[in-house]
PDB file of N, CA and C in Angstrom:
ATOM      1  N   UNK A   1      66.920 132.254 -33.866  1.00  0.00           N
ATOM      2  CA  UNK A   1      67.113 131.281 -34.878  1.00  0.00           C
ATOM      3  C   UNK A   1      66.249 131.392 -36.026  1.00  0.00           C
ATOM      4  N   UNK A   2      66.744 130.887 -37.198  1.00  0.00           N
ATOM      5  CA  UNK A   2      66.144 131.522 -38.297  1.00  0.00           C
ATOM      6  C   UNK A   2      64.921 130.859 -38.689  1.00  0.00           C
ATOM      7  N   UNK A   3      64.059 131.440 -39.481  1.00  0.00           N
ATOM      8  CA  UNK A   3      62.889 130.618 -39.843  1.00  0.00           C
ATOM      9  C   UNK A   3      62.929 129.725 -40.548  1.00  0.00           C
ATOM     10  N   UNK A   4      62.188 128.472 -40.210  1.00  0.00           N
ATOM     11  CA  UNK A   4      62.536 127.164 -40.913  1.00  0.00           C
ATOM     12  C   UNK A   4      61.182 127.254 -41.927  1.00  0.00           C
ATOM     13  N   UNK A   5      61.287 126.305 -43.117  1.00  0.00           N
ATOM     14  CA  UNK A   5      60.389 126.376 -44.097  1.00  0.00           C
ATOM     15  C   UNK A   5      59.453 125.432 -43.899  1.00  0.00           C
ATOM     16  N   UNK A   6      58.196 125.761 -44.063  1.00  0.00           N
ATOM     17  CA  UNK A   6      57.101 124.623 -43.390  1.00  0.00           C
ATOM     18  C   UNK A   6      56.978 123.259 -44.353  1.00  0.00           C
ATOM     19  N   UNK A   7      57.145 123.536 -45.843  1.00  0.00           N
ATOM     20  CA  UNK A   7      57.228 122.540 -46.638  1.00  0.00           C
ATOM     21  C   UNK A   7      56.026 121.786 -46.565  1.00  0.00           C
ATOM     22  N   UNK A   8      55.076 122.595 -46.606  1.00  0.00           N
ATOM     23  CA  UNK A   8      53.317 121.889 -46.545  1.00  0.00           C
ATOM     24  C   UNK A   8      53.202 120.675 -45.802  1.00  0.00           C
ATOM     25  N   UNK A   9      54.143 120.575 -44.609  1.00  0.00           N
ATOM     26  CA  UNK A   9      53.819 119.517 -44.034  1.00  0.00           C
ATOM     27  C   UNK A   9      53.589 119.939 -42.182  1.00  0.00           C
ATOM     28  N   UNK A  10      53.176 119.054 -41.626  1.00  0.00           N
ATOM     29  CA  UNK A  10      52.671 119.195 -40.121  1.00  0.00           C
ATOM     30  C   UNK A  10      54.223 119.364 -39.401  1.00  0.00           C
ATOM     31  N   UNK A  11      54.264 119.538 -38.192  1.00  0.00           N
ATOM     32  CA  UNK A  11      55.696 119.753 -37.930  1.00  0.00           C
ATOM     33  C   UNK A  11      56.368 118.512 -37.394  1.00  0.00           C
ATOM     34  N   UNK A  12      55.433 117.389 -37.146  1.00  0.00           N
ATOM     35  CA  UNK A  12      56.024 116.053 -36.775  1.00  0.00           C
ATOM     36  C   UNK A  12      56.713 115.228 -38.448  1.00  0.00           C
ATOM     37  N   UNK A  13      55.835 115.482 -39.026  1.00  0.00           N
ATOM     38  CA  UNK A  13      56.236 114.771 -40.227  1.00  0.00           C
ATOM     39  C   UNK A  13      57.215 115.519 -40.831  1.00  0.00           C
ATOM     40  N   UNK A  14      57.609 116.945 -40.891  1.00  0.00           N
ATOM     41  CA  UNK A  14      58.428 117.911 -41.478  1.00  0.00           C
ATOM     42  C   UNK A  14      59.849 117.420 -40.808  1.00  0.00           C
ATOM     43  N   UNK A  15      59.728 117.271 -39.110  1.00  0.00           N
ATOM     44  CA  UNK A  15      60.733 116.804 -38.974  1.00  0.00           C
ATOM     45  C   UNK A  15      61.377 115.159 -39.266  1.00  0.00           C
ATOM     46  N   UNK A  16      60.407 114.744 -39.278  1.00  0.00           N
ATOM     47  CA  UNK A  16      60.927 113.457 -39.692  1.00  0.00           C
ATOM     48  C   UNK A  16      61.436 113.101 -41.041  1.00  0.00           C
ATOM     49  N   UNK A  17      60.818 113.756 -41.843  1.00  0.00           N
ATOM     50  CA  UNK A  17      61.470 113.849 -43.468  1.00  0.00           C
ATOM     51  C   UNK A  17      62.672 114.629 -43.372  1.00  0.00           C
ATOM     52  N   UNK A  18      63.048 115.417 -42.696  1.00  0.00           N
ATOM     53  CA  UNK A  18      64.529 116.116 -42.706  1.00  0.00           C
ATOM     54  C   UNK A  18      65.518 115.206 -41.840  1.00  0.00           C
ATOM     55  N   UNK A  19      65.113 114.568 -40.713  1.00  0.00           N
ATOM     56  CA  UNK A  19      66.055 113.440 -40.434  1.00  0.00           C
ATOM     57  C   UNK A  19      66.454 112.718 -41.361  1.00  0.00           C
ATOM     58  N   UNK A  20      65.180 112.144 -41.888  1.00  0.00           N
ATOM     59  CA  UNK A  20      65.785 111.166 -42.894  1.00  0.00           C
ATOM     60  C   UNK A  20      66.437 111.700 -44.176  1.00  0.00           C
ATOM     61  N   UNK A  21      66.153 112.894 -44.681  1.00  0.00           N
ATOM     62  CA  UNK A  21      66.949 113.652 -45.706  1.00  0.00           C
ATOM     63  C   UNK A  21      68.320 113.710 -45.340  1.00  0.00           C
ATOM     64  N   UNK A  22      68.516 114.187 -44.134  1.00  0.00           N
ATOM     65  CA  UNK A  22      69.996 114.581 -43.586  1.00  0.00           C
ATOM     66  C   UNK A  22      70.532 113.148 -43.509  1.00  0.00           C
ATOM     67  N   UNK A  23      70.083 112.034 -43.011  1.00  0.00           N
ATOM     68  CA  UNK A  23      70.643 110.764 -42.866  1.00  0.00           C
ATOM     69  C   UNK A  23      70.948 109.891 -44.184  1.00  0.00           C
ATOM     70  N   UNK A  24      70.025 110.212 -45.083  1.00  0.00           N
ATOM     71  CA  UNK A  24      70.467 109.753 -46.420  1.00  0.00           C
ATOM     72  C   UNK A  24      71.592 110.482 -46.701  1.00  0.00           C
ATOM     73  N   UNK A  25      71.520 111.873 -46.955  1.00  0.00           N
ATOM     74  CA  UNK A  25      72.670 112.835 -47.615  1.00  0.00           C
ATOM     75  C   UNK A  25      74.088 112.579 -46.806  1.00  0.00           C
ATOM     76  N   UNK A  26      73.908 112.257 -45.728  1.00  0.00           N
ATOM     77  CA  UNK A  26      75.556 111.964 -44.850  1.00  0.00           C
ATOM     78  C   UNK A  26      75.863 110.642 -45.364  1.00  0.00           C
ATOM     79  N   UNK A  27      74.935 109.634 -45.242  1.00  0.00           N
ATOM     80  CA  UNK A  27      75.222 108.412 -46.125  1.00  0.00           C
ATOM     81  C   UNK A  27      75.752 108.113 -47.387  1.00  0.00           C
ATOM     82  N   UNK A  28      75.296 109.246 -48.339  1.00  0.00           N
ATOM     83  CA  UNK A  28      75.482 108.855 -49.650  1.00  0.00           C
ATOM     84  C   UNK A  28      76.316 110.044 -50.445  1.00  0.00           C
ATOM     85  N   UNK A  29      76.501 110.837 -49.509  1.00  0.00           N
ATOM     86  CA  UNK A  29      77.395 112.131 -49.824  1.00  0.00           C
ATOM     87  C   UNK A  29      76.545 113.036 -50.997  1.00  0.00           C
ATOM     88  N   UNK A  30      75.632 112.420 -51.584  1.00  0.00           N
ATOM     89  CA  UNK A  30      74.708 113.210 -52.785  1.00  0.00           C
ATOM     90  C   UNK A  30      73.045 112.648 -52.597  1.00  0.00           C
ATOM     91  N   UNK A  31      72.240 113.454 -52.821  1.00  0.00           N
ATOM     92  CA  UNK A  31      70.733 113.522 -52.702  1.00  0.00           C
ATOM     93  C   UNK A  31      70.268 114.324 -53.902  1.00  0.00           C
ATOM     94  N   UNK A  32      69.108 113.764 -54.396  1.00  0.00           N
ATOM     95  CA  UNK A  32      68.634 114.292 -55.319  1.00  0.00           C
ATOM     96  C   UNK A  32      66.638 114.605 -54.526  1.00  0.00           C
ATOM     97  N   UNK A  33      66.651 116.124 -54.564  1.00  0.00           N
ATOM     98  CA  UNK A  33      65.342 116.302 -54.078  1.00  0.00           C
ATOM     99  C   UNK A  33      64.859 117.930 -54.333  1.00  0.00           C
ATOM    100  N   UNK A  34      63.726 118.249 -53.847  1.00  0.00           N
ATOM    101  CA  UNK A  34      63.265 119.584 -54.498  1.00  0.00           C
ATOM    102  C   UNK A  34      64.277 120.691 -53.953  1.00  0.00           C
ATOM    103  N   UNK A  35      64.236 122.040 -54.584  1.00  0.00           N
ATOM    104  CA  UNK A  35      65.386 122.853 -54.021  1.00  0.00           C
ATOM    105  C   UNK A  35      64.846 123.338 -52.904  1.00  0.00           C
ATOM    106  N   UNK A  36      63.621 123.695 -52.563  1.00  0.00           N
ATOM    107  CA  UNK A  36      63.424 124.151 -50.707  1.00  0.00           C
ATOM    108  C   UNK A  36      63.468 122.674 -49.765  1.00  0.00           C
ATOM    109  N   UNK A  37      63.227 121.668 -50.150  1.00  0.00           N
ATOM    110  CA  UNK A  37      64.038 120.598 -49.037  1.00  0.00           C
ATOM    111  C   UNK A  37      65.362 120.239 -49.138  1.00  0.00           C
ATOM    112  N   UNK A  38      66.056 120.759 -50.438  1.00  0.00           N
ATOM    113  CA  UNK A  38      67.640 120.792 -50.209  1.00  0.00           C
ATOM    114  C   UNK A  38      68.041 121.525 -49.523  1.00  0.00           C
ATOM    115  N   UNK A  39      67.421 123.111 -49.604  1.00  0.00           N
ATOM    116  CA  UNK A  39      67.835 124.134 -48.738  1.00  0.00           C
ATOM    117  C   UNK A  39      67.753 123.842 -47.466  1.00  0.00           C
ATOM    118  N   UNK A  40      66.670 123.091 -46.598  1.00  0.00           N
ATOM    119  CA  UNK A  40      66.596 122.819 -45.698  1.00  0.00           C
ATOM    120  C   UNK A  40      67.390 121.737 -45.359  1.00  0.00           C
ATOM    121  N   UNK A  41      68.000 120.925 -45.894  1.00  0.00           N
ATOM    122  CA  UNK A  41      68.134 119.465 -45.568  1.00  0.00           C
ATOM    123  C   UNK A  41      70.088 120.326 -45.134  1.00  0.00           C
ATOM    124  N   UNK A  42      70.388 121.233 -46.401  1.00  0.00           N
ATOM    125  CA  UNK A  42      71.725 121.710 -46.409  1.00  0.00           C
ATOM    126  C   UNK A  42      71.925 122.654 -44.837  1.00  0.00           C
ATOM    127  N   UNK A  43      70.844 123.020 -44.415  1.00  0.00           N
ATOM    128  CA  UNK A  43      70.941 123.733 -42.951  1.00  0.00           C
ATOM    129  C   UNK A  43      71.529 122.770 -41.756  1.00  0.00           C
ATOM    130  N   UNK A  44      70.621 121.510 -41.933  1.00  0.00           N
ATOM    131  CA  UNK A  44      70.872 120.613 -40.573  1.00  0.00           C
ATOM    132  C   UNK A  44      71.996 119.986 -40.996  1.00  0.00           C
ATOM    133  N   UNK A  45      72.600 119.629 -42.271  1.00  0.00           N
ATOM    134  CA  UNK A  45      73.708 118.778 -42.703  1.00  0.00           C
ATOM    135  C   UNK A  45      74.725 119.355 -42.086  1.00  0.00           C
ATOM    136  N   UNK A  46      74.994 120.797 -42.575  1.00  0.00           N
ATOM    137  CA  UNK A  46      75.809 121.558 -42.568  1.00  0.00           C
ATOM    138  C   UNK A  46      76.229 121.705 -40.693  1.00  0.00           C
ATOM    139  N   UNK A  47      75.106 121.714 -39.853  1.00  0.00           N
ATOM    140  CA  UNK A  47      75.122 121.626 -38.474  1.00  0.00           C
ATOM    141  C   UNK A  47      75.768 120.384 -37.815  1.00  0.00           C
ATOM    142  N   UNK A  48      75.297 119.073 -38.303  1.00  0.00           N
ATOM    143  CA  UNK A  48      75.767 117.788 -38.161  1.00  0.00           C
ATOM    144  C   UNK A  48      77.423 118.145 -38.315  1.00  0.00           C
ATOM    145  N   UNK A  49      77.886 118.482 -39.516  1.00  0.00           N
ATOM    146  CA  UNK A  49      79.100 118.320 -39.729  1.00  0.00           C
ATOM    147  C   UNK A  49      80.348 119.377 -38.623  1.00  0.00           C
ATOM    148  N   UNK A  50      79.721 120.264 -38.521  1.00  0.00           N
ATOM    149  CA  UNK A  50      80.103 121.506 -37.510  1.00  0.00           C
ATOM    150  C   UNK A  50      80.347 120.524 -36.106  1.00  0.00           C
ATOM    151  N   UNK A  51      79.165 119.732 -35.345  1.00  0.00           N
ATOM    152  CA  UNK A  51      79.504 119.210 -34.455  1.00  0.00           C
ATOM    153  C   UNK A  51      80.222 118.133 -34.332  1.00  0.00           C
ATOM    154  N   UNK A  52      80.154 117.556 -35.446  1.00  0.00           N
ATOM    155  CA  UNK A  52      81.334 116.459 -35.695  1.00  0.00           C
ATOM    156  C   UNK A  52      82.269 116.887 -35.649  1.00  0.00           C
ATOM    157  N   UNK A  53      83.050 117.992 -35.958  1.00  0.00           N
ATOM    158  CA  UNK A  53      84.263 118.441 -36.395  1.00  0.00           C
ATOM    159  C   UNK A  53      84.535 118.691 -34.724  1.00  0.00           C
ATOM    160  N   UNK A  54      84.094 119.280 -34.096  1.00  0.00           N
ATOM    161  CA  UNK A  54      84.256 119.245 -32.717  1.00  0.00           C
ATOM    162  C   UNK A  54      84.832 117.812 -31.921  1.00  0.00           C
ATOM    163  N   UNK A  55      84.008 116.717 -32.481  1.00  0.00           N
ATOM    164  CA  UNK A  55      84.630 115.352 -31.794  1.00  0.00           C
ATOM    165  C   UNK A  55      84.211 114.932 -30.642  1.00  0.00           C
ATOM    166  N   UNK A  56      83.924 115.854 -29.776  1.00  0.00           N
ATOM    167  CA  UNK A  56      84.032 115.155 -28.363  1.00  0.00           C
ATOM    168  C   UNK A  56      82.507 114.548 -27.987  1.00  0.00           C
ATOM    169  N   UNK A  57      82.550 113.525 -27.013  1.00  0.00           N
ATOM    170  CA  UNK A  57      80.933 113.091 -26.498  1.00  0.00           C
ATOM    171  C   UNK A  57      79.906 113.440 -26.610  1.00  0.00           C
ATOM    172  N   UNK A  58      79.454 114.750 -25.875  1.00  0.00           N
ATOM    173  CA  UNK A  58      78.499 115.422 -26.146  1.00  0.00           C
ATOM    174  C   UNK A  58      78.153 115.887 -27.763  1.00  0.00           C
ATOM    175  N   UNK A  59      79.168 116.071 -28.566  1.00  0.00           N
ATOM    176  CA  UNK A  59      78.711 116.363 -29.720  1.00  0.00           C
ATOM    177  C   UNK A  59      78.111 115.276 -30.354  1.00  0.00           C
ATOM    178  N   UNK A  60      78.652 113.965 -30.105  1.00  0.00           N
ATOM    179  CA  UNK A  60      78.456 112.740 -30.694  1.00  0.00           C
ATOM    180  C   UNK A  60      76.939 112.557 -30.195  1.00  0.00           C
ATOM    181  N   UNK A  61      76.442 112.584 -29.153  1.00  0.00           N
ATOM    182  CA  UNK A  61      75.272 112.256 -28.613  1.00  0.00           C
ATOM    183  C   UNK A  61      74.673 113.303 -29.312  1.00  0.00           C
ATOM    184  N   UNK A  62      74.708 114.635 -29.623  1.00  0.00           N
ATOM    185  CA  UNK A  62      73.699 115.604 -29.991  1.00  0.00           C
ATOM    186  C   UNK A  62      73.544 115.197 -31.536  1.00  0.00           C
ATOM    187  N   UNK A  63      74.341 114.764 -32.228  1.00  0.00           N
ATOM    188  CA  UNK A  63      74.334 114.105 -33.839  1.00  0.00           C
ATOM    189  C   UNK A  63      73.356 112.850 -33.503  1.00  0.00           C
ATOM    190  N   UNK A  64      73.830 111.863 -32.883  1.00  0.00           N
ATOM    191  CA  UNK A  64      73.192 110.509 -32.648  1.00  0.00           C
ATOM    192  C   UNK A  64      71.252 110.830 -32.249  1.00  0.00           C
ATOM    193  N   UNK A  65      71.165 112.000 -31.663  1.00  0.00           N
ATOM    194  CA  UNK A  65      69.940 112.406 -31.403  1.00  0.00           C
ATOM    195  C   UNK A  65      69.134 112.960 -32.727  1.00  0.00           C
ATOM    196  N   UNK A  66      69.746 113.202 -33.768  1.00  0.00           N
ATOM    197  CA  UNK A  66      69.135 113.735 -34.854  1.00  0.00           C
ATOM    198  C   UNK A  66      69.153 112.665 -36.125  1.00  0.00           C
ATOM    199  N   UNK A  67      70.545 112.261 -36.484  1.00  0.00           N
ATOM    200  CA  UNK A  67      70.392 111.358 -37.372  1.00  0.00           C
ATOM    201  C   UNK A  67      70.153 109.759 -36.790  1.00  0.00           C
ATOM    202  N   UNK A  68      69.686 109.358 -38.045  1.00  0.00           N
ATOM    203  CA  UNK A  68      68.582 107.767 -37.181  1.00  0.00           C
ATOM    204  C   UNK A  68      69.590 106.777 -37.623  1.00  0.00           C
ATOM    205  N   UNK A  69      70.771 106.707 -37.992  1.00  0.00           N
ATOM    206  CA  UNK A  69      71.653 105.371 -38.269  1.00  0.00           C
ATOM    207  C   UNK A  69      73.002 105.910 -37.534  1.00  0.00           C
ATOM    208  N   UNK A  70      73.245 104.595 -36.791  1.00  0.00           N
ATOM    209  CA  UNK A  70      74.617 104.703 -35.995  1.00  0.00           C
ATOM    210  C   UNK A  70      75.489 104.640 -36.977  1.00  0.00           C
ATOM    211  N   UNK A  71      75.417 103.967 -37.513  1.00  0.00           N
ATOM    212  CA  UNK A  71      77.050 103.723 -38.834  1.00  0.00           C
ATOM    213  C   UNK A  71      77.043 105.135 -39.534  1.00  0.00           C
ATOM    214  N   UNK A  72      75.956 105.978 -39.744  1.00  0.00           N
ATOM    215  CA  UNK A  72      76.046 107.332 -40.543  1.00  0.00           C
ATOM    216  C   UNK A  72      77.172 107.759 -39.330  1.00  0.00           C
ATOM    217  N   UNK A  73      76.620 107.930 -38.274  1.00  0.00           N
ATOM    218  CA  UNK A  73      77.031 108.951 -37.273  1.00  0.00           C
ATOM    219  C   UNK A  73      78.647 108.449 -36.983  1.00  0.00           C
ATOM    220  N   UNK A  74      78.893 107.333 -36.997  1.00  0.00           N
ATOM    221  CA  UNK A  74      80.719 106.847 -37.357  1.00  0.00           C
ATOM    222  C   UNK A  74      81.466 107.465 -38.343  1.00  0.00           C
ATOM    223  N   UNK A  75      80.907 106.942 -39.483  1.00  0.00           N
ATOM    224  CA  UNK A  75      81.391 107.721 -40.491  1.00  0.00           C
ATOM    225  C   UNK A  75      81.656 109.105 -40.523  1.00  0.00           C
ATOM    226  N   UNK A  76      80.341 109.962 -40.131  1.00  0.00           N
ATOM    227  CA  UNK A  76      80.574 111.238 -40.456  1.00  0.00           C
ATOM    228  C   UNK A  76      81.757 111.723 -39.437  1.00  0.00           C
ATOM    229  N   UNK A  77      81.817 111.309 -38.123  1.00  0.00           N
ATOM    230  CA  UNK A  77      83.063 111.446 -37.113  1.00  0.00           C
ATOM    231  C   UNK A  77      84.634 111.051 -37.551  1.00  0.00           C
ATOM    232  N   UNK A  78      84.704 109.812 -38.257  1.00  0.00           N
ATOM    233  CA  UNK A  78      85.431 109.089 -38.472  1.00  0.00           C
ATOM    234  C   UNK A  78      86.442 109.782 -39.930  1.00  0.00           C
ATOM    235  N   UNK A  79      85.328 110.090 -41.070  1.00  0.00           N
ATOM    236  CA  UNK A  79      85.803 110.265 -42.328  1.00  0.00           C
ATOM    237  C   UNK A  79      85.523 111.642 -42.633  1.00  0.00           C
ATOM    238  N   UNK A  80      83.996 112.107 -42.505  1.00  0.00           N
ATOM    239  CA  UNK A  80      83.547 113.236 -43.259  1.00  0.00           C
ATOM    240  C   UNK A  80      84.468 114.439 -42.538  1.00  0.00           C
ATOM    241  N   UNK A  81      84.102 114.425 -41.108  1.00  0.00           N
ATOM    242  CA  UNK A  81      84.551 115.810 -40.278  1.00  0.00           C
ATOM    243  C   UNK A  81      85.891 116.018 -40.341  1.00  0.00           C
ATOM    244  N   UNK A  82      86.631 115.088 -40.317  1.00  0.00           N
ATOM    245  CA  UNK A  82      88.461 115.502 -40.487  1.00  0.00           C
ATOM    246  C   UNK A  82      88.840 116.180 -41.791  1.00  0.00           C
ATOM    247  N   UNK A  83      87.931 115.302 -42.845  1.00  0.00           N
ATOM    248  CA  UNK A  83      88.105 115.966 -44.474  1.00  0.00           C
ATOM    249  C   UNK A  83      87.861 117.539 -44.400  1.00  0.00           C
ATOM    250  N   UNK A  84      86.733 118.075 -43.286  1.00  0.00           N
ATOM    251  CA  UNK A  84      86.650 119.332 -43.449  1.00  0.00           C
ATOM    252  C   UNK A  84      87.097 120.337 -42.096  1.00  0.00           C
ATOM    253  N   UNK A  85      88.186 119.696 -41.627  1.00  0.00           N
ATOM    254  CA  UNK A  85      88.820 120.564 -40.480  1.00  0.00           C
ATOM    255  C   UNK A  85      89.184 121.866 -40.594  1.00  0.00           C
ATOM    256  N   UNK A  86      89.810 121.986 -41.768  1.00  0.00           N
ATOM    257  CA  UNK A  86      90.174 123.290 -42.631  1.00  0.00           C
ATOM    258  C   UNK A  86      89.319 124.602 -42.585  1.00  0.00           C
ATOM    259  N   UNK A  87      88.202 123.861 -43.058  1.00  0.00           N
ATOM    260  CA  UNK A  87      87.214 124.407 -43.780  1.00  0.00           C
ATOM    261  C   UNK A  87      86.124 125.238 -42.681  1.00  0.00           C
ATOM    262  N   UNK A  88      85.747 126.502 -42.992  1.00  0.00           N
ATOM    263  CA  UNK A  88      84.739 127.228 -41.710  1.00  0.00           C
ATOM    264  C   UNK A  88      83.675 127.179 -42.521  1.00  0.00           C
ATOM    265  N   UNK A  89      82.745 126.282 -42.205  1.00  0.00           N
ATOM    266  CA  UNK A  89      81.538 125.953 -43.126  1.00  0.00           C
ATOM    267  C   UNK A  89      81.467 125.623 -44.305  1.00  0.00           C
ATOM    268  N   UNK A  90      80.225 125.453 -44.994  1.00  0.00           N
ATOM    269  CA  UNK A  90      80.503 125.524 -46.739  1.00  0.00           C
ATOM    270  C   UNK A  90      80.585 124.374 -46.885  1.00  0.00           C
ATOM    271  N   UNK A  91      80.110 123.269 -46.705  1.00  0.00           N
ATOM    272  CA  UNK A  91      80.458 121.664 -46.801  1.00  0.00           C
ATOM    273  C   UNK A  91      79.841 121.314 -47.721  1.00  0.00           C
ATOM    274  N   UNK A  92      78.612 121.658 -48.168  1.00  0.00           N
ATOM    275  CA  UNK A  92      77.611 121.399 -49.304  1.00  0.00           C
ATOM    276  C   UNK A  92      77.461 122.283 -50.543  1.00  0.00           C
ATOM    277  N   UNK A  93      76.978 121.963 -51.594  1.00  0.00           N
ATOM    278  CA  UNK A  93      76.651 122.678 -52.658  1.00  0.00           C
ATOM    279  C   UNK A  93      75.569 121.949 -53.660  1.00  0.00           C
ATOM    280  N   UNK A  94      74.695 122.799 -53.890  1.00  0.00           N
ATOM    281  CA  UNK A  94      73.348 122.765 -54.497  1.00  0.00           C
ATOM    282  C   UNK A  94      73.205 122.804 -56.175  1.00  0.00           C
ATOM    283  N   UNK A  95      73.136 121.866 -56.663  1.00  0.00           N
ATOM    284  CA  UNK A  95      72.986 122.221 -58.167  1.00  0.00           C
ATOM    285  C   UNK A  95      71.229 121.883 -58.698  1.00  0.00           C
ATOM    286  N   UNK A  96      71.013 123.199 -59.710  1.00  0.00           N
ATOM    287  CA  UNK A  96      69.663 122.960 -59.703  1.00  0.00           C
ATOM    288  C   UNK A  96      69.396 122.297 -61.391  1.00  0.00           C
ATOM    289  N   UNK A  97      68.244 121.109 -61.250  1.00  0.00           N
ATOM    290  CA  UNK A  97      68.571 120.102 -62.425  1.00  0.00           C
ATOM    291  C   UNK A  97      67.473 120.610 -63.197  1.00  0.00           C
ATOM    292  N   UNK A  98      66.363 121.502 -63.028  1.00  0.00           N
ATOM    293  CA  UNK A  98      65.292 122.107 -63.660  1.00  0.00           C
ATOM    294  C   UNK A  98      64.097 121.237 -63.490  1.00  0.00           C
ATOM    295  N   UNK A  99      62.923 121.256 -63.910  1.00  0.00           N
ATOM    296  CA  UNK A  99      61.807 120.668 -63.554  1.00  0.00           C
ATOM    297  C   UNK A  99      61.434 119.327 -63.898  1.00  0.00           C
ATOM    298  N   UNK A 100      61.206 118.458 -62.717  1.00  0.00           N
ATOM    299  CA  UNK A 100      60.813 117.020 -62.048  1.00  0.00           C
ATOM    300  C   UNK A 100      59.654 116.884 -63.460  1.00  0.00           C
ATOM    301  N   UNK A 101      60.230 115.618 -64.006  1.00  0.00           N
ATOM    302  CA  UNK A 101      58.785 115.258 -65.255  1.00  0.00           C
ATOM    303  C   UNK A 101      57.183 114.987 -64.803  1.00  0.00           C
ATOM    304  N   UNK A 102      57.170 114.484 -63.518  1.00  0.00           N
ATOM    305  CA  UNK A 102      55.922 114.313 -62.965  1.00  0.00           C
ATOM    306  C   UNK A 102      55.204 115.411 -62.847  1.00  0.00           C
ATOM    307  N   UNK A 103      55.846 115.820 -62.058  1.00  0.00           N
ATOM    308  CA  UNK A 103      54.603 117.167 -61.053  1.00  0.00           C
ATOM    309  C   UNK A 103      55.440 118.880 -61.815  1.00  0.00           C
ATOM    310  N   UNK A 104      56.521 119.256 -62.017  1.00  0.00           N
ATOM    311  CA  UNK A 104      57.132 120.109 -62.515  1.00  0.00           C
ATOM    312  C   UNK A 104      57.722 120.646 -61.490  1.00  0.00           C
ATOM    313  N   UNK A 105      58.175 120.171 -60.412  1.00  0.00           N
ATOM    314  CA  UNK A 105      58.659 120.798 -59.101  1.00  0.00           C
ATOM    315  C   UNK A 105      60.442 120.750 -59.460  1.00  0.00           C
ATOM    316  N   UNK A 106      60.877 122.006 -58.870  1.00  0.00           N
ATOM    317  CA  UNK A 106      62.103 122.162 -59.453  1.00  0.00           C
ATOM    318  C   UNK A 106      63.181 121.441 -58.729  1.00  0.00           C
ATOM    319  N   UNK A 107      63.907 120.570 -59.132  1.00  0.00           N
ATOM    320  CA  UNK A 107      64.460 119.571 -58.793  1.00  0.00           C
ATOM    321  C   UNK A 107      65.926 120.032 -58.285  1.00  0.00           C
ATOM    322  N   UNK A 108      67.002 119.644 -57.529  1.00  0.00           N
ATOM    323  CA  UNK A 108      68.392 120.128 -57.151  1.00  0.00           C
ATOM    324  C   UNK A 108      69.009 118.768 -56.858  1.00  0.00           C
ATOM    325  N   UNK A 109      70.206 119.081 -56.837  1.00  0.00           N
ATOM    326  CA  UNK A 109      71.009 117.921 -56.456  1.00  0.00           C
ATOM    327  C   UNK A 109      71.878 118.409 -55.298  1.00  0.00           C
ATOM    328  N   UNK A 110      71.885 117.629 -53.939  1.00  0.00           N
ATOM    329  CA  UNK A 110      72.758 118.361 -52.881  1.00  0.00           C
ATOM    330  C   UNK A 110      73.886 117.223 -52.543  1.00  0.00           C
ATOM    331  N   UNK A 111      75.065 118.129 -52.678  1.00  0.00           N
ATOM    332  CA  UNK A 111      76.371 117.235 -52.758  1.00  0.00           C
ATOM    333  C   UNK A 111      77.438 117.617 -51.679  1.00  0.00           C
ATOM    334  N   UNK A 112      78.111 116.851 -51.066  1.00  0.00           N
ATOM    335  CA  UNK A 112      79.421 117.687 -50.341  1.00  0.00           C
ATOM    336  C   UNK A 112      79.940 117.930 -51.058  1.00  0.00           C
ATOM    337  N   UNK A 113      81.025 119.133 -50.635  1.00  0.00           N
ATOM    338  CA  UNK A 113      81.677 119.803 -51.310  1.00  0.00           C
ATOM    339  C   UNK A 113      83.368 118.581 -51.289  1.00  0.00           C
TER     340      UNK A 113
END
C-alpha cells in the first residue's frame, strides 16, 4: 500500500478529516481545500467510486463503513457509479487556485470529471 501523508495530524484525527472530506466531496461533487488534502481525498474518493462500480452488497457495506452519510452512499451507487461505468479510474480532477489569503497555503479545487 502506498505511503499516506500525515497532514500534521494524529492518526485518528487524520482519518476522521479524510472521511469527512470524502463524504463532502461525493455529496457536492466539488470541494476546495489545500493541495495535499485534495490529493489524499482523491485517493480515497476514487477507491469509493471503484467500489460503487462493482455494485454488490459487499462493496456497498465497505463504502458505508467509510462514508459517513447514507444518502451520499445511495447517490454514489445510483447516480455517480453508472456515469463512470466505461471509465477505468481518473474520476477526479484537481485545479490549483493559488495561495489562501489568511495563511498562504496553496489551495486547490477537487472535482468529479
